[in-house]
Amino acid sequence: MPVRNIYHVAVVQALIADGWTISNDPFYLAYGGRELYIDIGAEKVTIAAERNNEKIAVEIKNFLHLSPVTDL
């Protein structure tokens, strides 16, 4: 499991303040033969003319170190 970024708590608080529910912390994803742990998975129910479930995955980067995962 990866180490959390120094901005992790601030990003989680901002998502919650914007009405998102944190559903995965971290969010596991297998893609292209790699196992990835995206920092945060969140979802939000939007009520408009119809109900739509919106989901996002947030990867927090500070660019202090090189990463083997780029441009996915």
Protein backbone atom coordinates (compact mmCIF):
# COMPACT_ATOMS: atom_id res chain seq x y z
CA MET A 1 0.00 0.00 0.00
CA PRO A 2 1.48 3.38 -0.99
CA VAL A 3 2.35 6.14 1.43
CA ARG A 4 -0.13 9.01 1.55
CA ASN A 5 0.80 12.31 -0.04
CA ILE A 6 1.23 15.33 2.25
CA TYR A 7 -1.85 16.92 0.64
CA HIS A 8 -4.10 13.87 1.16
CA VAL A 9 -6.07 15.17 4.16
CA ALA A 10 -6.63 18.59 2.57
CA VAL A 11 -7.95 17.02 -0.65
CA VAL A 12 -10.28 14.66 1.27
CA GLN A 13 -11.63 17.61 3.29
CA ALA A 14 -12.18 19.65 0.11
CA LEU A 15 -14.07 16.79 -1.57
CA ILE A 16 -16.29 16.31 1.50
CA ALA A 17 -16.95 20.07 1.70
CA ASP A 18 -18.06 19.95 -1.95
CA GLY A 19 -20.60 17.22 -1.18
CA TRP A 20 -18.63 14.11 -2.20
CA THR A 21 -18.73 10.89 -0.18
CA ILE A 22 -15.35 9.18 0.13
CA SER A 23 -16.01 5.56 -0.85
CA ASN A 24 -12.47 4.20 -1.17
CA ASP A 25 -9.31 5.43 0.52
CA PRO A 26 -7.30 4.23 -1.39
CA PHE A 27 -9.15 3.06 -4.51
CA TYR A 28 -7.73 -0.20 -5.96
CA LEU A 29 -7.61 -0.54 -9.73
CA ALA A 30 -6.03 -3.19 -11.97
CA TYR A 31 -5.09 -1.82 -15.40
CA GLY A 32 -2.68 -2.97 -18.11
CA GLY A 33 -1.19 -5.74 -16.00
CA ARG A 34 -0.49 -3.35 -13.12
CA GLU A 35 -2.11 -3.07 -9.73
CA LEU A 36 -2.75 0.57 -8.91
CA TYR A 37 -3.84 2.29 -5.73
CA ILE A 38 -5.45 5.61 -6.60
CA ASP A 39 -5.45 7.89 -3.58
CA ILE A 40 -9.19 8.50 -3.21
CA GLY A 41 -12.41 7.13 -4.68
CA ALA A 42 -15.47 9.32 -4.17
CA GLU A 43 -19.05 9.48 -5.32
CA LYS A 44 -21.78 12.08 -5.39
CA VAL A 45 -25.47 11.83 -6.19
CA THR A 46 -26.62 14.73 -8.35
CA ILE A 47 -30.31 15.53 -8.53
CA ALA A 48 -31.35 17.38 -11.69
CA ALA A 49 -34.00 16.43 -14.25
CA GLU A 50 -33.08 12.88 -13.42
CA ARG A 51 -30.85 11.15 -10.88
CA ASN A 52 -27.32 10.37 -11.96
CA ASN A 53 -24.62 8.76 -9.88
CA GLU A 54 -21.27 10.44 -10.42
CA LYS A 55 -18.04 8.77 -9.39
CA ILE A 56 -14.47 10.03 -9.46
CA ALA A 57 -11.03 8.67 -8.64
CA VAL A 58 -8.48 11.23 -7.44
CA GLU A 59 -4.72 10.72 -7.63
CA ILE A 60 -2.77 13.30 -5.64
CA LYS A 61 0.69 14.16 -6.96
CA ASN A 62 3.32 16.54 -5.65
CA PHE A 63 5.96 15.74 -8.31
CA LEU A 64 8.75 15.29 -5.77
CA HIS A 65 9.72 11.82 -7.07
CA LEU A 66 9.55 9.94 -10.37
CA SER A 67 6.64 7.53 -10.85
CA PRO A 68 6.62 4.33 -12.96
CA VAL A 69 2.97 5.04 -13.82
CA THR A 70 2.49 7.88 -16.31
CA ASP A 71 -0.09 8.84 -18.89
CA LEU A 72 -2.62 6.12 -18.10
